[in-house]
């Protein structure tokens, strides 16, 4: 099944839709270990930082022009010797999940990272997010670490799993 989306680089005009998707994830899931919604100013600064570092911000645009999801990657760690390792994120609008959009976005992220000369791609996934864990395993990621009870959200402790794909 091919999702009804077109991938393209995000623009500043997409930031309100990206913000809505991200804030919904913050407020309703454990996919982001944050409890407070972000502001548009925070997303603008994030976008400028990504662009300045030449990191992609890719949106999946639905046929009606709405933003169905987005993906990006950025520094895994800021020190110079980590420069060929990046950590990625993929988020899909709640009403568009289950249509293969995350697969399309992850494929694009992996391809972009390879083209950019990256060596390793890291995913940090909540241990209860079986959909994301299975997605990453299907794409050849391997679980390399499990950090027990490092997050606390929705009044419970959360385990964080790191997965890695050598490009």
Protein backbone atom coordinates (compact mmCIF):
# COMPACT_ATOMS: atom_id res chain seq x y z
CA UNK A 1 0.00 0.00 0.00
CA UNK A 2 1.34 3.40 -0.93
CA UNK A 3 0.29 6.24 1.30
CA UNK A 4 -1.38 9.21 -0.37
CA UNK A 5 1.48 11.62 0.29
CA UNK A 6 4.21 13.51 -1.49
CA UNK A 7 7.53 14.09 0.24
CA UNK A 8 9.24 17.45 0.02
CA UNK A 9 11.57 19.67 2.05
CA UNK A 10 9.70 21.55 4.75
CA UNK A 11 9.33 25.31 4.52
CA UNK A 12 8.67 27.85 7.23
CA UNK A 13 5.03 27.84 6.13
CA UNK A 14 4.84 24.18 7.27
CA UNK A 15 5.95 24.94 10.81
CA UNK A 16 2.45 25.47 12.31
CA UNK A 17 1.37 22.03 11.01
CA UNK A 18 4.64 20.44 12.20
CA UNK A 19 4.07 22.07 15.58
CA UNK A 20 0.53 20.68 15.79
CA UNK A 21 1.75 17.14 15.05
CA UNK A 22 4.63 17.43 17.51
CA UNK A 23 2.51 18.89 20.30
CA UNK A 24 -0.10 16.15 19.87
CA UNK A 25 2.69 13.57 20.24
CA UNK A 26 3.93 15.33 23.39
CA UNK A 27 0.49 15.49 24.96
CA UNK A 28 -0.84 12.04 24.04
CA UNK A 29 2.10 9.62 23.65
CA UNK A 30 5.43 8.60 25.12
CA UNK A 31 7.19 9.04 21.75
CA UNK A 32 8.66 12.32 23.05
CA UNK A 33 9.94 12.53 26.59
CA UNK A 34 8.58 16.01 27.12
CA UNK A 35 5.43 17.15 28.91
CA UNK A 36 5.06 20.77 27.83
CA UNK A 37 3.84 21.70 24.35
CA UNK A 38 6.29 23.67 22.24
CA UNK A 39 5.64 27.15 20.91
CA UNK A 40 5.85 28.27 17.31
CA UNK A 41 8.95 30.26 18.25
CA UNK A 42 10.59 27.07 19.52
CA UNK A 43 9.79 25.26 16.25
CA UNK A 44 11.12 28.22 14.24
CA UNK A 45 14.41 28.13 16.15
CA UNK A 46 14.57 24.33 15.73
CA UNK A 47 13.96 24.67 11.99
CA UNK A 48 16.62 27.38 11.60
CA UNK A 49 19.14 25.24 13.52
CA UNK A 50 18.41 22.21 11.33
CA UNK A 51 18.77 24.25 8.15
CA UNK A 52 22.01 25.92 9.32
CA UNK A 53 23.50 22.49 10.07
CA UNK A 54 22.31 21.20 6.65
CA UNK A 55 20.08 18.62 8.26
CA UNK A 56 16.85 17.74 6.44
CA UNK A 57 13.34 18.49 7.58
CA UNK A 58 11.04 16.54 5.29
CA UNK A 59 7.25 16.72 5.24
CA UNK A 60 4.75 14.22 3.92
CA UNK A 61 2.06 16.27 2.22
CA UNK A 62 -1.36 14.67 1.76
CA UNK A 63 -3.36 15.10 -1.43
CA UNK A 64 -5.42 17.86 0.16
CA UNK A 65 -2.26 19.86 0.94
CA UNK A 66 -2.23 19.12 4.67
CA UNK A 67 0.91 17.89 6.39
CA UNK A 68 0.49 14.21 7.27
CA UNK A 69 3.87 13.82 8.96
CA UNK A 70 7.47 14.90 9.08
CA UNK A 71 10.92 13.46 9.52
CA UNK A 72 14.33 14.83 10.30
CA UNK A 73 17.69 13.99 11.74
CA UNK A 74 20.28 15.89 13.69
CA UNK A 75 23.33 15.55 15.86
CA UNK A 76 23.47 12.38 17.93
CA UNK A 77 25.97 14.07 20.22
CA UNK A 78 27.56 17.46 19.67
CA UNK A 79 31.24 16.49 19.93
CA UNK A 80 33.24 16.45 16.67
CA UNK A 81 34.05 12.74 16.60
CA UNK A 82 30.30 11.94 16.42
CA UNK A 83 29.91 13.96 13.21
CA UNK A 84 29.06 10.89 11.09
CA UNK A 85 26.35 9.65 13.46
CA UNK A 86 22.89 11.22 13.51
CA UNK A 87 19.68 10.60 15.42
CA UNK A 88 16.42 10.74 13.51
CA UNK A 89 12.78 11.40 14.29
CA UNK A 90 9.62 10.58 12.34
CA UNK A 91 6.16 11.76 13.43
CA UNK A 92 2.81 11.20 11.73
CA UNK A 93 -0.44 13.08 12.29
CA UNK A 94 -2.72 11.05 14.59
CA UNK A 95 -5.44 10.83 11.94
CA UNK A 96 -3.01 9.53 9.30
CA UNK A 97 -1.24 6.77 11.26
CA UNK A 98 -1.34 3.21 9.97
CA UNK A 99 -1.14 4.21 6.30
CA UNK A 100 2.58 3.61 5.73
CA UNK A 101 3.61 7.25 5.98
CA UNK A 102 6.29 6.54 8.58
CA UNK A 103 7.80 3.94 6.22
CA UNK A 104 7.99 6.44 3.39
CA UNK A 105 9.51 9.10 5.67
CA UNK A 106 12.03 6.69 7.20
CA UNK A 107 13.08 5.50 3.72
CA UNK A 108 13.73 9.12 2.76
CA UNK A 109 15.65 9.85 5.97
CA UNK A 110 17.88 6.80 5.48
CA UNK A 111 18.55 7.75 1.87
CA UNK A 112 19.34 11.34 2.76
CA UNK A 113 21.72 10.29 5.53
CA UNK A 114 23.57 7.93 3.18
CA UNK A 115 23.86 10.62 0.50
CA UNK A 116 25.11 13.10 3.11
CA UNK A 117 27.93 10.71 4.06
CA UNK A 118 26.59 9.70 7.46
CA UNK A 119 27.82 6.39 8.84
CA UNK A 120 25.29 5.50 11.54
CA UNK A 121 21.66 6.37 12.17
CA UNK A 122 20.28 6.19 15.73
CA UNK A 123 16.67 5.91 16.90
CA UNK A 124 15.58 6.50 20.48
CA UNK A 125 12.25 4.71 20.98
CA UNK A 126 10.10 4.27 24.08
CA UNK A 127 10.08 0.58 25.01
CA UNK A 128 6.27 0.44 24.87
CA UNK A 129 6.12 1.82 21.31
CA UNK A 130 5.91 -1.55 19.58
CA UNK A 131 4.88 -0.03 16.24
CA UNK A 132 8.03 2.10 16.05
CA UNK A 133 10.24 -0.71 17.32
CA UNK A 134 8.92 -3.10 14.65
CA UNK A 135 9.26 -0.45 11.95
CA UNK A 136 12.92 0.08 12.78
CA UNK A 137 13.66 -3.63 12.94
CA UNK A 138 12.09 -4.08 9.47
CA UNK A 139 14.45 -1.40 8.18
CA UNK A 140 17.51 -3.23 9.50
CA UNK A 141 18.04 -1.34 12.74
CA UNK A 142 19.41 -3.34 15.67
CA UNK A 143 18.66 -2.74 19.32
CA UNK A 144 21.94 -1.65 20.91
CA UNK A 145 20.85 -0.34 24.32
CA UNK A 146 17.99 -0.22 26.78
CA UNK A 147 18.02 2.47 29.43
CA UNK A 148 15.69 1.47 32.24
CA UNK A 149 13.41 4.02 33.89
CA UNK A 150 15.19 7.06 32.44
CA UNK A 151 11.96 8.90 31.60
CA UNK A 152 8.95 9.74 33.74
CA UNK A 153 5.72 10.70 32.01
CA UNK A 154 2.02 10.05 32.58
CA UNK A 155 2.87 9.15 36.18
CA UNK A 156 5.04 6.16 35.27
CA UNK A 157 8.66 5.29 34.56
CA UNK A 158 9.69 4.79 30.94
CA UNK A 159 12.46 2.70 29.39
CA UNK A 160 14.27 4.12 26.35
CA UNK A 161 15.58 1.78 23.66
CA UNK A 162 18.34 2.84 21.28
CA UNK A 163 18.43 1.23 17.86
CA UNK A 164 21.22 1.69 15.33
CA UNK A 165 21.59 1.19 11.59
CA UNK A 166 25.05 1.27 10.04
CA UNK A 167 24.65 2.93 6.68
